[in-house]
Amino acid sequence: MNRIHPQNFDTTSLGLGNSVFSTKKGILRAPCTRKCICVSAFAFIILGIIAAIIAVIVTVGIPPPTPVNRLCVTPNNQTGFLCDNKETCISASQVCDTRRNCANGEDEQEALCRDLPDNLPEYLIFHCSNPRLWIYADKRCNGFNDCGDCSDEIGTLASCPPCGPEWWRCTMVVFYSYCTCIPRSFCRDGIQHCFDWSDEYICTR
């Protein structure tokens, strides 16, 4: 009986074409097909793209995350801070007041409160005419002289509406805790609050 040696094995006789080949050590597996080459090339392309992205990140740096928009309006129509639950809107002055007014405490996080007011969003603060002074946005136009120079009540930047029905407008207020409006509860109380005495002779509660 004739024994077929690997080196003399004819692959064409089995209809295999060039899918196998022989060596002195025996039959080896088929070389990589066209499909195999395409898959390998695709894998190299993907790896190249990933490497390029990593190179860009290392060179340029990771872009900062998009800041969350927390601007909201409180029930009393003041500028507020929206909590994570997207329902609770706290007043601006409740942010960084050392109390957790939001359920998750996002109003007291270090990223906001570390360097006041620089880390606060602009909509939460009001800059007084004195550049060294600032107040929370909900303190603007509240009737009180929070800036110390009335720039939060009568200044052009404040743009406050006229005194409401609960207030009396004076030409000048003696007590500097107010600016141009005093509560009507001060009218005819026997104490001068307005320079022209209108709170005692004209104003009615």
Protein backbone atom coordinates (compact mmCIF):
# COMPACT_ATOMS: atom_id res chain seq x y z
CA MET A 1 0.00 0.00 0.00
CA ASN A 2 1.37 3.34 -1.07
CA ARG A 3 1.52 5.88 1.74
CA ILE A 4 0.94 9.52 0.83
CA HIS A 5 3.54 11.76 2.32
CA PRO A 6 2.51 15.30 3.39
CA GLN A 7 5.00 16.87 1.05
CA ASN A 8 3.45 15.03 -1.88
CA PHE A 9 -0.19 15.67 -0.91
CA ASP A 10 -2.16 17.23 -3.74
CA THR A 11 -4.80 19.58 -2.37
CA THR A 12 -6.44 20.00 -5.75
CA SER A 13 -7.50 16.39 -5.71
CA LEU A 14 -9.81 17.17 -2.77
CA GLY A 15 -11.23 20.33 -4.34
CA LEU A 16 -9.55 22.51 -1.76
CA GLY A 17 -7.58 24.58 -4.22
CA ASN A 18 -5.06 26.66 -2.30
CA SER A 19 -6.95 26.54 1.02
CA VAL A 20 -4.37 24.20 2.56
CA PHE A 21 -0.72 23.66 1.98
CA SER A 22 1.81 21.11 3.07
CA THR A 23 5.17 21.22 4.68
CA LYS A 24 7.60 18.69 5.87
CA LYS A 25 5.97 18.76 9.28
CA GLY A 26 2.45 18.20 7.97
CA ILE A 27 -0.63 20.02 6.75
CA LEU A 28 -1.12 23.57 8.01
CA ARG A 29 -4.28 25.65 8.26
CA ALA A 30 -5.44 27.79 5.39
CA PRO A 31 -3.91 31.22 5.01
CA CYS A 32 -6.08 34.30 5.83
CA THR A 33 -8.94 34.72 3.39
CA ARG A 34 -10.15 37.98 1.84
CA LYS A 35 -12.84 38.28 4.53
CA CYS A 36 -10.23 37.83 7.25
CA ILE A 37 -8.10 40.59 5.71
CA CYS A 38 -11.10 42.97 5.61
CA VAL A 39 -11.95 42.34 9.26
CA SER A 40 -8.35 42.88 10.30
CA ALA A 41 -8.15 46.12 8.33
CA PHE A 42 -11.40 47.36 9.89
CA ALA A 43 -10.06 46.55 13.37
CA PHE A 44 -6.87 48.48 12.66
CA ILE A 45 -8.92 51.47 11.48
CA ILE A 46 -11.01 51.44 14.69
CA LEU A 47 -7.85 51.21 16.80
CA GLY A 48 -6.37 54.11 14.83
CA ILE A 49 -9.45 56.27 15.47
CA ILE A 50 -9.36 55.47 19.21
CA ALA A 51 -5.66 56.30 19.33
CA ALA A 52 -6.30 59.61 17.55
CA ILE A 53 -9.06 60.53 20.01
CA ILE A 54 -6.80 59.72 22.96
CA ALA A 55 -4.02 61.82 21.42
CA VAL A 56 -6.38 64.80 20.99
CA ILE A 57 -7.61 64.50 24.59
CA VAL A 58 -4.04 64.33 25.91
CA THR A 59 -2.98 67.31 23.78
CA VAL A 60 -6.01 69.57 24.15
CA GLY A 61 -7.44 68.26 27.39
CA ILE A 62 -10.86 66.93 28.32
CA PRO A 63 -13.52 69.56 27.61
CA PRO A 64 -15.33 70.80 30.74
CA PRO A 65 -18.82 69.44 31.27
CA THR A 66 -21.71 71.61 30.13
CA PRO A 67 -22.91 73.61 33.15
CA VAL A 68 -26.38 72.76 34.40
CA ASN A 69 -28.90 75.55 33.92
CA ARG A 70 -30.47 76.06 37.34
CA LEU A 71 -32.16 79.39 36.67
CA CYS A 72 -35.76 79.41 37.89
CA VAL A 73 -38.38 81.76 39.29
CA THR A 74 -39.61 81.33 42.85
CA PRO A 75 -43.33 81.42 43.76
CA ASN A 76 -42.93 85.07 44.85
CA ASN A 77 -41.52 85.94 41.39
CA GLN A 78 -37.84 86.22 42.35
CA THR A 79 -34.74 84.79 40.73
CA GLY A 80 -34.07 81.34 42.13
CA PHE A 81 -31.88 78.22 42.07
CA LEU A 82 -33.36 74.98 40.67
CA CYS A 83 -32.63 71.83 42.68
CA ASP A 84 -31.78 68.46 41.13
CA ASN A 85 -35.36 67.25 41.35
CA LYS A 86 -36.29 69.93 38.75
CA GLU A 87 -39.23 70.95 40.93
CA THR A 88 -37.87 72.81 43.96
CA CYS A 89 -36.86 76.41 43.26
CA ILE A 90 -35.14 78.08 46.20
CA SER A 91 -34.38 81.79 46.44
CA ALA A 92 -30.92 83.01 45.44
CA SER A 93 -30.02 83.97 49.02
CA GLN A 94 -30.56 80.36 50.12
CA VAL A 95 -27.58 79.23 48.04
CA CYS A 96 -24.40 78.82 50.09
CA ASP A 97 -26.08 79.87 53.33
CA THR A 98 -24.63 76.77 55.11
CA ARG A 99 -28.05 75.07 55.04
CA ARG A 100 -29.03 72.24 52.71
CA ASN A 101 -32.15 73.73 51.16
CA CYS A 102 -32.14 71.23 48.28
CA ALA A 103 -32.74 67.56 49.12
CA ASN A 104 -29.33 66.50 47.76
CA GLY A 105 -27.49 69.54 49.09
CA GLU A 106 -26.52 70.80 45.63
CA ASP A 107 -27.06 74.37 46.85
CA GLU A 108 -24.11 73.95 49.23
CA GLN A 109 -21.66 72.09 47.01
CA GLU A 110 -18.06 73.25 47.17
CA ALA A 111 -17.94 74.11 43.46
CA LEU A 112 -20.47 76.89 44.14
CA CYS A 113 -19.51 78.04 47.61
CA ARG A 114 -15.73 77.83 47.64
CA ASP A 115 -15.07 81.35 46.34
CA LEU A 116 -18.07 83.66 46.65
CA PRO A 117 -19.30 85.26 44.53
CA ASP A 118 -16.94 84.24 41.73
CA ASN A 119 -18.21 80.66 41.53
CA LEU A 120 -21.89 81.62 41.58
CA PRO A 121 -23.83 81.96 38.31
CA GLU A 122 -24.38 85.59 37.35
CA TYR A 123 -28.16 85.29 37.64
CA LEU A 124 -27.81 84.63 41.39
CA ILE A 125 -25.94 87.84 42.22
CA PHE A 126 -26.33 91.60 41.85
CA HIS A 127 -23.29 93.87 41.71
CA CYS A 128 -23.65 97.09 43.69
CA SER A 129 -22.34 100.40 42.37
CA ASN A 130 -19.35 99.79 44.62
CA PRO A 131 -17.48 97.07 42.67
CA ARG A 132 -16.32 95.45 45.90
CA LEU A 133 -19.88 94.84 47.08
CA TRP A 134 -22.51 92.37 45.88
CA ILE A 135 -25.81 90.98 47.09
CA TYR A 136 -27.97 88.02 46.12
CA ALA A 137 -30.28 88.71 43.20
CA ASP A 138 -33.44 88.26 45.26
CA LYS A 139 -32.36 91.17 47.49
CA ARG A 140 -32.61 93.61 44.59
CA CYS A 141 -35.73 95.77 44.65
CA ASN A 142 -36.89 94.36 47.99
CA GLY A 143 -37.31 97.83 49.52
CA PHE A 144 -34.23 97.59 51.74
CA ASN A 145 -30.86 99.24 51.30
CA ASP A 146 -28.83 96.04 51.02
CA CYS A 147 -25.95 97.59 49.07
CA GLY A 148 -25.55 100.43 51.57
CA ASP A 149 -25.77 103.11 48.90
CA CYS A 150 -29.27 102.29 47.59
CA SER A 151 -27.86 101.18 44.22
CA ASP A 152 -29.91 97.99 44.57
CA GLU A 153 -33.13 100.02 44.87
CA ILE A 154 -32.81 103.27 42.94
CA GLY A 155 -29.76 102.67 40.75
CA THR A 156 -30.00 102.32 36.98
CA LEU A 157 -28.67 98.76 37.18
CA ALA A 158 -31.40 97.78 39.62
CA SER A 159 -34.24 98.98 37.35
CA CYS A 160 -36.77 98.61 40.15
CA PRO A 161 -40.45 99.24 39.57
CA PRO A 162 -42.22 102.10 41.43
CA CYS A 163 -43.29 101.60 45.01
CA GLY A 164 -46.16 99.17 45.23
CA PRO A 165 -49.43 99.73 47.11
CA GLU A 166 -47.87 98.41 50.31
CA TRP A 167 -45.28 101.20 50.24
CA TRP A 168 -45.11 105.01 50.36
CA ARG A 169 -42.69 106.88 48.13
CA CYS A 170 -40.60 109.60 49.79
CA THR A 171 -38.46 112.36 48.35
CA MET A 172 -35.82 111.28 50.86
CA VAL A 173 -35.79 108.83 53.69
CA VAL A 174 -34.27 109.71 57.06
CA PHE A 175 -33.64 106.09 58.09
CA TYR A 176 -31.05 104.73 55.71
CA SER A 177 -32.30 101.15 55.93
CA TYR A 178 -34.78 102.21 53.24
CA CYS A 179 -34.17 104.16 50.06
CA THR A 180 -37.14 105.83 48.35
CA CYS A 181 -39.99 103.70 49.65
CA ILE A 182 -41.12 102.98 53.18
CA PRO A 183 -43.77 100.51 54.37
CA ARG A 184 -47.18 102.13 54.75
CA SER A 185 -47.22 100.81 58.31
CA PHE A 186 -44.81 103.69 59.07
CA CYS A 187 -47.34 106.32 57.98
CA ARG A 188 -48.71 108.55 60.74
CA ASP A 189 -46.85 106.65 63.46
CA GLY A 190 -45.51 109.86 64.99
CA ILE A 191 -41.96 109.30 63.69
CA GLN A 192 -40.46 111.15 60.73
CA HIS A 193 -39.24 108.75 58.07
CA CYS A 194 -39.43 111.04 55.05
CA PHE A 195 -37.52 114.28 54.70
CA ASP A 196 -40.66 116.18 53.69
CA TRP A 197 -42.76 114.70 56.52
CA SER A 198 -45.14 113.31 53.93
CA ASP A 199 -45.31 110.07 55.87
CA GLU A 200 -46.94 111.94 58.74
CA TYR A 201 -49.17 114.43 56.91
CA ILE A 202 -50.08 112.94 53.54
CA CYS A 203 -49.52 109.19 53.65
CA THR A 204 -52.32 106.93 54.85
CA ARG A 205 -52.01 103.32 55.85
